[in-house]
Amino acid sequence: MSWKEYYEACSICGKEGDWVYIDEDGSPICDECNDEESKERA
């Protein structure tokens, strides 16, 4: 998982933000959803 500077809507919740993560398959994910996913994997 890497930070990239994209202005895209999150692929999970649809929230738009200045910064999103781009996950392994290239989907934009906002910080909040990324935190949720990290908790689920733990």
PDB file of N, CA and C in Angstrom:
ATOM      1  N   MET A   1       0.855  -1.192   0.000  1.00  0.00           N
ATOM      2  CA  MET A   1       0.000   0.000   0.000  1.00  0.00           C
ATOM      3  C   MET A   1       0.885   1.235   0.000  1.00  0.00           C
ATOM      4  N   SER A   2       0.611   2.136  -0.884  1.00  0.00           N
ATOM      5  CA  SER A   2       1.450   3.326  -0.937  1.00  0.00           C
ATOM      6  C   SER A   2       0.608   4.581  -1.079  1.00  0.00           C
ATOM      7  N   TRP A   3       1.110   5.653  -0.464  1.00  0.00           N
ATOM      8  CA  TRP A   3       0.465   6.954  -0.634  1.00  0.00           C
ATOM      9  C   TRP A   3       0.766   7.461  -2.024  1.00  0.00           C
ATOM     10  N   LYS A   4      -0.256   7.971  -2.681  1.00  0.00           N
ATOM     11  CA  LYS A   4      -0.030   8.687  -3.925  1.00  0.00           C
ATOM     12  C   LYS A   4      -0.890   9.925  -3.896  1.00  0.00           C
ATOM     13  N   GLU A   5      -0.426  10.958  -4.552  1.00  0.00           N
ATOM     14  CA  GLU A   5      -1.206  12.180  -4.571  1.00  0.00           C
ATOM     15  C   GLU A   5      -2.193  12.111  -5.727  1.00  0.00           C
ATOM     16  N   TYR A   6      -3.390  11.688  -5.426  1.00  0.00           N
ATOM     17  CA  TYR A   6      -4.459  11.597  -6.402  1.00  0.00           C
ATOM     18  C   TYR A   6      -5.639  12.371  -5.854  1.00  0.00           C
ATOM     19  N   TYR A   7      -6.409  12.955  -6.726  1.00  0.00           N
ATOM     20  CA  TYR A   7      -7.677  13.526  -6.286  1.00  0.00           C
ATOM     21  C   TYR A   7      -8.759  12.680  -6.914  1.00  0.00           C
ATOM     22  N   GLU A   8      -9.137  11.637  -6.205  1.00  0.00           N
ATOM     23  CA  GLU A   8     -10.134  10.698  -6.688  1.00  0.00           C
ATOM     24  C   GLU A   8     -11.076  10.376  -5.550  1.00  0.00           C
ATOM     25  N   ALA A   9     -12.256   9.910  -5.920  1.00  0.00           N
ATOM     26  CA  ALA A   9     -13.188   9.440  -4.906  1.00  0.00           C
ATOM     27  C   ALA A   9     -12.735   8.067  -4.423  1.00  0.00           C
ATOM     28  N   CYS A  10     -12.901   7.828  -3.139  1.00  0.00           N
ATOM     29  CA  CYS A  10     -12.581   6.524  -2.564  1.00  0.00           C
ATOM     30  C   CYS A  10     -13.428   5.449  -3.234  1.00  0.00           C
ATOM     31  N   SER A  11     -12.804   4.316  -3.562  1.00  0.00           N
ATOM     32  CA  SER A  11     -13.525   3.242  -4.245  1.00  0.00           C
ATOM     33  C   SER A  11     -14.462   2.488  -3.299  1.00  0.00           C
ATOM     34  N   ILE A  12     -14.311   2.690  -1.985  1.00  0.00           N
ATOM     35  CA  ILE A  12     -15.163   2.001  -1.019  1.00  0.00           C
ATOM     36  C   ILE A  12     -16.329   2.878  -0.591  1.00  0.00           C
ATOM     37  N   CYS A  13     -16.036   4.079  -0.071  1.00  0.00           N
ATOM     38  CA  CYS A  13     -17.109   4.912   0.475  1.00  0.00           C
ATOM     39  C   CYS A  13     -17.506   6.055  -0.457  1.00  0.00           C
ATOM     40  N   GLY A  14     -16.694   6.303  -1.489  1.00  0.00           N
ATOM     41  CA  GLY A  14     -17.030   7.349  -2.441  1.00  0.00           C
ATOM     42  C   GLY A  14     -16.653   8.755  -2.007  1.00  0.00           C
ATOM     43  N   LYS A  15     -16.063   8.878  -0.804  1.00  0.00           N
ATOM     44  CA  LYS A  15     -15.651  10.188  -0.312  1.00  0.00           C
ATOM     45  C   LYS A  15     -14.468  10.704  -1.123  1.00  0.00           C
ATOM     46  N   GLU A  16     -14.515  11.978  -1.499  1.00  0.00           N
ATOM     47  CA  GLU A  16     -13.391  12.556  -2.215  1.00  0.00           C
ATOM     48  C   GLU A  16     -12.454  13.246  -1.244  1.00  0.00           C
ATOM     49  N   GLY A  17     -11.166  13.090  -1.477  1.00  0.00           N
ATOM     50  CA  GLY A  17     -10.188  13.731  -0.617  1.00  0.00           C
ATOM     51  C   GLY A  17      -8.969  14.124  -1.420  1.00  0.00           C
ATOM     52  N   ASP A  18      -8.130  14.964  -0.836  1.00  0.00           N
ATOM     53  CA  ASP A  18      -6.924  15.386  -1.534  1.00  0.00           C
ATOM     54  C   ASP A  18      -5.940  14.227  -1.691  1.00  0.00           C
ATOM     55  N   TRP A  19      -5.931  13.322  -0.722  1.00  0.00           N
ATOM     56  CA  TRP A  19      -4.993  12.207  -0.727  1.00  0.00           C
ATOM     57  C   TRP A  19      -5.763  10.905  -0.592  1.00  0.00           C
ATOM     58  N   VAL A  20      -5.431   9.954  -1.439  1.00  0.00           N
ATOM     59  CA  VAL A  20      -5.969   8.606  -1.283  1.00  0.00           C
ATOM     60  C   VAL A  20      -4.826   7.602  -1.394  1.00  0.00           C
ATOM     61  N   TYR A  21      -5.005   6.449  -0.781  1.00  0.00           N
ATOM     62  CA  TYR A  21      -4.111   5.331  -1.022  1.00  0.00           C
ATOM     63  C   TYR A  21      -4.501   4.688  -2.341  1.00  0.00           C
ATOM     64  N   ILE A  22      -3.517   4.140  -3.034  1.00  0.00           N
ATOM     65  CA  ILE A  22      -3.795   3.311  -4.195  1.00  0.00           C
ATOM     66  C   ILE A  22      -3.420   1.890  -3.786  1.00  0.00           C
ATOM     67  N   ASP A  23      -4.418   0.996  -3.760  1.00  0.00           N
ATOM     68  CA  ASP A  23      -4.127  -0.355  -3.281  1.00  0.00           C
ATOM     69  C   ASP A  23      -3.566  -1.220  -4.407  1.00  0.00           C
ATOM     70  N   GLU A  24      -3.369  -2.509  -4.117  1.00  0.00           N
ATOM     71  CA  GLU A  24      -2.655  -3.398  -5.024  1.00  0.00           C
ATOM     72  C   GLU A  24      -3.278  -3.454  -6.414  1.00  0.00           C
ATOM     73  N   ASP A  25      -4.599  -3.366  -6.501  1.00  0.00           N
ATOM     74  CA  ASP A  25      -5.243  -3.441  -7.816  1.00  0.00           C
ATOM     75  C   ASP A  25      -5.509  -2.064  -8.414  1.00  0.00           C
ATOM     76  N   GLY A  26      -4.948  -1.022  -7.784  1.00  0.00           N
ATOM     77  CA  GLY A  26      -5.045   0.311  -8.359  1.00  0.00           C
ATOM     78  C   GLY A  26      -6.263   1.108  -7.944  1.00  0.00           C
ATOM     79  N   SER A  27      -7.046   0.583  -6.997  1.00  0.00           N
ATOM     80  CA  SER A  27      -8.237   1.299  -6.558  1.00  0.00           C
ATOM     81  C   SER A  27      -7.883   2.371  -5.538  1.00  0.00           C
ATOM     82  N   PRO A  28      -8.465   3.561  -5.665  1.00  0.00           N
ATOM     83  CA  PRO A  28      -8.228   4.594  -4.661  1.00  0.00           C
ATOM     84  C   PRO A  28      -8.990   4.301  -3.372  1.00  0.00           C
ATOM     85  N   ILE A  29      -8.330   4.456  -2.245  1.00  0.00           N
ATOM     86  CA  ILE A  29      -8.949   4.222  -0.944  1.00  0.00           C
ATOM     87  C   ILE A  29      -8.567   5.363  -0.011  1.00  0.00           C
ATOM     88  N   CYS A  30      -9.564   6.003   0.609  1.00  0.00           N
ATOM     89  CA  CYS A  30      -9.270   7.099   1.526  1.00  0.00           C
ATOM     90  C   CYS A  30      -8.666   6.574   2.827  1.00  0.00           C
ATOM     91  N   ASP A  31      -8.109   7.488   3.598  1.00  0.00           N
ATOM     92  CA  ASP A  31      -7.405   7.117   4.819  1.00  0.00           C
ATOM     93  C   ASP A  31      -8.311   6.372   5.789  1.00  0.00           C
ATOM     94  N   GLU A  32      -9.563   6.836   5.925  1.00  0.00           N
ATOM     95  CA  GLU A  32     -10.482   6.210   6.874  1.00  0.00           C
ATOM     96  C   GLU A  32     -10.783   4.766   6.486  1.00  0.00           C
ATOM     97  N   CYS A  33     -11.078   4.529   5.208  1.00  0.00           N
ATOM     98  CA  CYS A  33     -11.358   3.164   4.764  1.00  0.00           C
ATOM     99  C   CYS A  33     -10.112   2.291   4.851  1.00  0.00           C
ATOM    100  N   ASN A  34      -8.958   2.867   4.575  1.00  0.00           N
ATOM    101  CA  ASN A  34      -7.722   2.107   4.695  1.00  0.00           C
ATOM    102  C   ASN A  34      -7.494   1.674   6.137  1.00  0.00           C
ATOM    103  N   ASP A  35      -7.798   2.554   7.084  1.00  0.00           N
ATOM    104  CA  ASP A  35      -7.683   2.198   8.499  1.00  0.00           C
ATOM    105  C   ASP A  35      -8.615   1.045   8.841  1.00  0.00           C
ATOM    106  N   GLU A  36      -9.843   1.094   8.328  1.00  0.00           N
ATOM    107  CA  GLU A  36     -10.806   0.021   8.583  1.00  0.00           C
ATOM    108  C   GLU A  36     -10.291  -1.301   8.022  1.00  0.00           C
ATOM    109  N   GLU A  37      -9.778  -1.282   6.798  1.00  0.00           N
ATOM    110  CA  GLU A  37      -9.255  -2.501   6.186  1.00  0.00           C
ATOM    111  C   GLU A  37      -8.075  -3.049   6.966  1.00  0.00           C
ATOM    112  N   SER A  38      -7.219  -2.162   7.452  1.00  0.00           N
ATOM    113  CA  SER A  38      -6.056  -2.593   8.222  1.00  0.00           C
ATOM    114  C   SER A  38      -6.487  -3.299   9.502  1.00  0.00           C
ATOM    115  N   LYS A  39      -7.541  -2.780  10.147  1.00  0.00           N
ATOM    116  CA  LYS A  39      -8.050  -3.400  11.371  1.00  0.00           C
ATOM    117  C   LYS A  39      -8.618  -4.781  11.074  1.00  0.00           C
ATOM    118  N   GLU A  40      -9.322  -4.918   9.948  1.00  0.00           N
ATOM    119  CA  GLU A  40      -9.917  -6.201   9.599  1.00  0.00           C
ATOM    120  C   GLU A  40      -8.859  -7.256   9.317  1.00  0.00           C
ATOM    121  N   ARG A  41      -7.742  -6.852   8.724  1.00  0.00           N
ATOM    122  CA  ARG A  41      -6.680  -7.798   8.397  1.00  0.00           C
ATOM    123  C   ARG A  41      -5.886  -8.216   9.627  1.00  0.00           C
ATOM    124  N   ALA A  42      -5.870  -7.370  10.641  1.00  0.00           N
ATOM    125  CA  ALA A  42      -5.051  -7.636  11.830  1.00  0.00           C
ATOM    126  C   ALA A  42      -5.572  -8.838  12.610  1.00  0.00           C
TER     127      ALA A  42
END
